[in-house]
Structures are given as C-alpha cells and as structure tokens.
C-alpha atoms as a PDB file:
ATOM      1  CA  MET A   1       1.803   1.644  -0.272  1.00  0.00           C
ATOM      2  CA  THR A   2      -0.492   4.657  -0.659  1.00  0.00           C
ATOM      3  CA  ASN A   3      -2.943   5.191  -3.493  1.00  0.00           C
ATOM      4  CA  THR A   4      -3.787   8.647  -4.667  1.00  0.00           C
ATOM      5  CA  LEU A   5      -5.886  10.086  -7.551  1.00  0.00           C
ATOM      6  CA  ARG A   6      -5.292  12.990  -9.784  1.00  0.00           C
ATOM      7  CA  ALA A   7      -6.435  14.256 -13.225  1.00  0.00           C
ATOM      8  CA  TYR A   8      -4.731  12.519 -16.341  1.00  0.00           C
ATOM      9  CA  ALA A   9      -1.807  14.421 -17.974  1.00  0.00           C
ATOM     10  CA  ASP A  10      -0.462  13.647 -21.430  1.00  0.00           C
ATOM     11  CA  THR A  11       2.763  12.514 -19.903  1.00  0.00           C
ATOM     12  CA  ASP A  12       0.766   9.609 -18.217  1.00  0.00           C
ATOM     13  CA  LEU A  13       0.138   7.854 -21.707  1.00  0.00           C
ATOM     14  CA  ASP A  14       2.831   5.200 -21.459  1.00  0.00           C
ATOM     15  CA  ALA A  15       1.695   4.414 -17.927  1.00  0.00           C
ATOM     16  CA  VAL A  16      -1.911   4.334 -18.950  1.00  0.00           C
ATOM     17  CA  MET A  17      -1.249   2.093 -21.897  1.00  0.00           C
ATOM     18  CA  ALA A  18       0.873  -0.206 -19.615  1.00  0.00           C
ATOM     19  CA  ALA A  19      -2.114  -0.511 -17.321  1.00  0.00           C
ATOM     20  CA  TRP A  20      -4.491  -1.296 -20.201  1.00  0.00           C
ATOM     21  CA  GLU A  21      -2.036  -3.949 -21.653  1.00  0.00           C
ATOM     22  CA  SER A  22      -1.494  -5.582 -18.228  1.00  0.00           C
ATOM     23  CA  ALA A  23      -5.380  -5.642 -17.268  1.00  0.00           C
ATOM     24  CA  THR A  24      -6.229  -6.733 -20.795  1.00  0.00           C
ATOM     25  CA  LEU A  25      -4.101  -9.840 -20.559  1.00  0.00           C
ATOM     26  CA  VAL A  26      -5.914 -10.914 -17.630  1.00  0.00           C
ATOM     27  CA  GLY A  27      -9.318  -9.870 -18.240  1.00  0.00           C
ATOM     28  CA  HIS A  28      -9.616 -10.084 -21.987  1.00  0.00           C
ATOM     29  CA  PRO A  29      -7.520 -13.103 -23.104  1.00  0.00           C
ATOM     30  CA  PHE A  30     -10.235 -13.910 -25.559  1.00  0.00           C
ATOM     31  CA  LEU A  31      -9.861 -10.701 -27.703  1.00  0.00           C
ATOM     32  CA  SER A  32      -8.038 -10.983 -31.014  1.00  0.00           C
ATOM     33  CA  GLU A  33      -4.739  -9.318 -31.562  1.00  0.00           C
ATOM     34  CA  THR A  34      -6.486  -7.291 -34.380  1.00  0.00           C
ATOM     35  CA  PHE A  35      -9.052  -5.886 -32.103  1.00  0.00           C
ATOM     36  CA  LYS A  36      -6.427  -5.046 -29.534  1.00  0.00           C
ATOM     37  CA  ASP A  37      -4.264  -3.417 -32.061  1.00  0.00           C
ATOM     38  CA  THR A  38      -7.285  -1.208 -33.025  1.00  0.00           C
ATOM     39  CA  GLU A  39      -7.877  -0.377 -29.388  1.00  0.00           C
ATOM     40  CA  ARG A  40      -3.996   0.539 -28.880  1.00  0.00           C
ATOM     41  CA  TYR A  41      -4.618   3.233 -31.676  1.00  0.00           C
ATOM     42  CA  ASN A  42      -8.074   4.356 -30.355  1.00  0.00           C
ATOM     43  CA  ILE A  43      -7.078   4.749 -26.726  1.00  0.00           C
ATOM     44  CA  PRO A  44      -4.570   7.776 -27.163  1.00  0.00           C
ATOM     45  CA  ASN A  45      -6.208   9.027 -30.438  1.00  0.00           C
ATOM     46  CA  VAL A  46      -9.912   8.816 -29.871  1.00  0.00           C
ATOM     47  CA  TYR A  47     -10.883   7.967 -26.308  1.00  0.00           C
ATOM     48  CA  LEU A  48      -8.485   9.834 -24.137  1.00  0.00           C
ATOM     49  CA  PRO A  49      -8.992  13.216 -25.945  1.00  0.00           C
ATOM     50  CA  ASN A  50     -12.611  12.917 -25.579  1.00  0.00           C
ATOM     51  CA  THR A  51     -12.963  11.761 -21.906  1.00  0.00           C
ATOM     52  CA  GLU A  52     -12.648  13.127 -18.420  1.00  0.00           C
ATOM     53  CA  THR A  53      -9.744  10.872 -17.292  1.00  0.00           C
ATOM     54  CA  TRP A  54      -8.508  10.220 -13.809  1.00  0.00           C
ATOM     55  CA  VAL A  55      -5.401   8.179 -12.781  1.00  0.00           C
ATOM     56  CA  CYS A  56      -4.361   6.161  -9.860  1.00  0.00           C
ATOM     57  CA  GLU A  57      -1.014   6.458  -8.443  1.00  0.00           C
ATOM     58  CA  CYS A  58       0.572   4.105  -5.986  1.00  0.00           C
ATOM     59  CA  ASP A  59       3.806   5.572  -4.336  1.00  0.00           C
ATOM     60  CA  GLY A  60       4.039   8.045  -7.365  1.00  0.00           C
ATOM     61  CA  GLU A  61       3.680   5.510 -10.063  1.00  0.00           C
ATOM     62  CA  VAL A  62       0.512   5.292 -12.231  1.00  0.00           C
ATOM     63  CA  VAL A  63      -1.177   2.014 -11.803  1.00  0.00           C
ATOM     64  CA  GLY A  64      -4.632   2.521 -13.248  1.00  0.00           C
ATOM     65  CA  PHE A  65      -7.042   4.934 -14.906  1.00  0.00           C
ATOM     66  CA  ILE A  66     -10.702   5.569 -15.448  1.00  0.00           C
ATOM     67  CA  ALA A  67     -12.028   7.407 -18.614  1.00  0.00           C
ATOM     68  CA  LEU A  68     -15.389   8.988 -18.261  1.00  0.00           C
ATOM     69  CA  MET A  69     -17.857  10.077 -21.018  1.00  0.00           C
ATOM     70  CA  VAL A  70     -20.035  12.506 -19.437  1.00  0.00           C
ATOM     71  CA  GLY A  71     -23.598  12.759 -20.688  1.00  0.00           C
ATOM     72  CA  GLU A  72     -27.075  14.018 -19.655  1.00  0.00           C
ATOM     73  CA  GLY A  73     -27.979  12.465 -16.432  1.00  0.00           C
ATOM     74  CA  THR A  74     -25.701   9.472 -16.782  1.00  0.00           C
ATOM     75  CA  THR A  75     -22.007   9.140 -17.228  1.00  0.00           C
ATOM     76  CA  GLU A  76     -20.438   6.318 -19.198  1.00  0.00           C
ATOM     77  CA  VAL A  77     -17.374   4.547 -17.868  1.00  0.00           C
ATOM     78  CA  GLY A  78     -15.650   4.245 -21.080  1.00  0.00           C
ATOM     79  CA  ALA A  79     -12.627   2.406 -19.405  1.00  0.00           C
ATOM     80  CA  ILE A  80     -11.353   1.366 -16.097  1.00  0.00           C
ATOM     81  CA  PHE A  81      -8.081  -0.595 -16.001  1.00  0.00           C
ATOM     82  CA  VAL A  82      -5.584  -1.309 -13.277  1.00  0.00           C
ATOM     83  CA  GLN A  83      -2.323  -2.930 -13.608  1.00  0.00           C
ATOM     84  CA  SER A  84      -2.689  -6.748 -12.806  1.00  0.00           C
ATOM     85  CA  GLY A  85      -0.138  -6.546 -10.012  1.00  0.00           C
ATOM     86  CA  SER A  86      -2.299  -3.794  -8.386  1.00  0.00           C
ATOM     87  CA  HIS A  87      -5.515  -5.844  -8.477  1.00  0.00           C
ATOM     88  CA  GLY A  88      -7.036  -6.042  -4.897  1.00  0.00           C
ATOM     89  CA  THR A  89      -5.094  -2.810  -3.656  1.00  0.00           C
ATOM     90  CA  GLY A  90      -8.257  -0.645  -3.783  1.00  0.00           C
ATOM     91  CA  ALA A  91      -6.949   1.272  -6.830  1.00  0.00           C
ATOM     92  CA  GLY A  92      -9.914   0.248  -8.900  1.00  0.00           C
ATOM     93  CA  ARG A  93     -12.476   1.047  -6.168  1.00  0.00           C
ATOM     94  CA  MET A  94     -10.801   4.372  -5.582  1.00  0.00           C
ATOM     95  CA  LEU A  95     -11.185   5.160  -9.308  1.00  0.00           C
ATOM     96  CA  MET A  96     -14.880   4.104  -9.443  1.00  0.00           C
ATOM     97  CA  ASP A  97     -15.629   6.026  -6.251  1.00  0.00           C
ATOM     98  CA  LYS A  98     -14.320   9.330  -7.861  1.00  0.00           C
ATOM     99  CA  ALA A  99     -16.649   8.635 -10.872  1.00  0.00           C
ATOM    100  CA  ARG A 100     -19.483   8.192  -8.669  1.00  0.00           C
ATOM    101  CA  ASP A 101     -18.862  10.891  -6.304  1.00  0.00           C
ATOM    102  CA  ILE A 102     -18.420  13.388  -9.244  1.00  0.00           C
ATOM    103  CA  HIS A 103     -21.292  12.058 -11.442  1.00  0.00           C
ATOM    104  CA  GLY A 104     -23.666   9.854  -9.468  1.00  0.00           C
ATOM    105  CA  LYS A 105     -25.212   7.609 -11.983  1.00  0.00           C
ATOM    106  CA  LEU A 106     -22.791   5.332 -14.029  1.00  0.00           C
ATOM    107  CA  GLU A 107     -23.235   3.038 -16.947  1.00  0.00           C
ATOM    108  CA  LEU A 108     -20.729   0.900 -18.718  1.00  0.00           C
ATOM    109  CA  ASP A 109     -20.380  -2.112 -21.067  1.00  0.00           C
ATOM    110  CA  VAL A 110     -18.399  -5.219 -19.993  1.00  0.00           C
ATOM    111  CA  PHE A 111     -17.559  -8.347 -21.973  1.00  0.00           C
ATOM    112  CA  LYS A 112     -19.586 -11.100 -20.854  1.00  0.00           C
ATOM    113  CA  GLU A 113     -16.458 -13.389 -20.758  1.00  0.00           C
ATOM    114  CA  ASN A 114     -14.532 -10.804 -18.676  1.00  0.00           C
ATOM    115  CA  ALA A 115     -14.776 -12.668 -15.329  1.00  0.00           C
ATOM    116  CA  VAL A 116     -12.329 -10.294 -13.551  1.00  0.00           C
ATOM    117  CA  GLY A 117     -14.161  -7.171 -14.523  1.00  0.00           C
ATOM    118  CA  ARG A 118     -17.601  -8.706 -13.827  1.00  0.00           C
ATOM    119  CA  ARG A 119     -16.729  -9.662 -10.347  1.00  0.00           C
ATOM    120  CA  PHE A 120     -15.359  -6.156  -9.683  1.00  0.00           C
ATOM    121  CA  TYR A 121     -18.580  -4.561 -11.003  1.00  0.00           C
ATOM    122  CA  ASP A 122     -20.763  -7.124  -9.119  1.00  0.00           C
ATOM    123  CA  ALA A 123     -19.133  -6.169  -5.846  1.00  0.00           C
ATOM    124  CA  TYR A 124     -19.313  -2.468  -6.439  1.00  0.00           C
ATOM    125  CA  GLY A 125     -23.043  -2.720  -6.885  1.00  0.00           C
ATOM    126  CA  PHE A 126     -23.548  -2.537 -10.730  1.00  0.00           C
ATOM    127  CA  VAL A 127     -26.584  -4.446 -12.101  1.00  0.00           C
ATOM    128  CA  PRO A 128     -27.000  -5.713 -15.716  1.00  0.00           C
ATOM    129  CA  VAL A 129     -29.760  -4.008 -17.765  1.00  0.00           C
ATOM    130  CA  SER A 130     -29.065  -5.488 -21.194  1.00  0.00           C
ATOM    131  CA  GLU A 131     -26.916  -7.621 -23.389  1.00  0.00           C
ATOM    132  CA  ARG A 132     -25.812  -7.265 -26.942  1.00  0.00           C
ATOM    133  CA  PHE A 133     -23.297  -8.742 -29.658  1.00  0.00           C
ATOM    134  CA  HIS A 134     -20.320  -6.463 -29.985  1.00  0.00           C
ATOM    135  CA  GLU A 135     -19.695  -6.561 -33.865  1.00  0.00           C
ATOM    136  CA  ASP A 136     -16.109  -5.205 -33.741  1.00  0.00           C
ATOM    137  CA  SER A 137     -14.782  -7.972 -31.275  1.00  0.00           C
ATOM    138  CA  GLY A 138     -17.318 -10.862 -31.986  1.00  0.00           C
ATOM    139  CA  HIS A 139     -18.259 -11.192 -28.400  1.00  0.00           C
ATOM    140  CA  MET A 140     -21.099 -10.563 -26.187  1.00  0.00           C
ATOM    141  CA  MET A 141     -21.447  -7.279 -23.982  1.00  0.00           C
ATOM    142  CA  LEU A 142     -23.232  -6.662 -20.913  1.00  0.00           C
ATOM    143  CA  ARG A 143     -24.792  -3.205 -20.078  1.00  0.00           C
ATOM    144  CA  LEU A 144     -24.418  -2.473 -16.428  1.00  0.00           C
ATOM    145  CA  ARG A 145     -25.841   0.416 -14.314  1.00  0.00           C
ATOM    146  CA  TYR A 146     -25.075   1.980 -11.031  1.00  0.00           C
ATOM    147  CA  PRO A 147     -26.919   2.584  -8.888  1.00  0.00           C
ATOM    148  CA  ALA A 148     -29.418  -0.267  -9.480  1.00  0.00           C
ATOM    149  CA  SER A 149     -32.452   1.987  -9.724  1.00  0.00           C
END
C-alpha cells in the first residue's frame, strides 16, 4: 500500500466526509450529535472553501485530509482526519509533514478528551500552550504549537 498526497478537489468531498466521520467516531465519542451535525454542515460549506486542503490517498482512495488556515507567521491546522482503518499507516504524518514543509510554524486546537489525536500530536512534537472552554461543544480544548519554540 502506497500513500500519496495531492491538493483537495471538489470531487473528494464524499471521501473527506467519510474520513471525518470515521475518525470522529474514534477520537470524539464524547461530542453530541447536535455538534457533529453542525460540523457536517460546516466542513463543506464553511471550512473547505476557506482553507488550503490536501488529501492523502492510499492506492488511489482518499483516506485522510488536512485543512490549513494560512495566517501571518503561523498556519492553523483547522482539521486533520484519517480514516480509522488507516491509522498507523503514516497517512497522518504525511499530511502533517506537508503542512510543516510548506508553512513551518503550525498551531491547532484539540479536544482535551481526544486521546487518539493528543497521542499523535505529542509524538509529532506539538506542545501545549493554553487551555480553554469550547462553548459550542461544552468541552475543554488545548492549544498546541509546533515547533515548541
């Protein structure tokens, strides 16, 4: 199995949403259906049209994506999701490497309860810089930065 990266195309929407759904079941079981329904709307209608998005394909099938909000000096990883069946295949690392190689400094928010995501970010080298309550979901978020300095 070979992973490759390419820019997101509108025809990838169903596969991107499937990756989000699969990864959300594993990483965000604590989120309400109401919040997830809002995100199901926001991903194609708000987030993707306003981000630089890359997809990871394994043998021609999209298994994950990363959506980047490019800012002054730091790029926000707005989303990175990989099909749960493709966790551990290097897809997530390839996506994050692409963001790092293009933009250098990265920041992101992760739910404090998302053990899967936090292990990935810790292993990648992200460090926590702050914590806040996320009103829309009712859960705590950690702000992470890469590189640490």
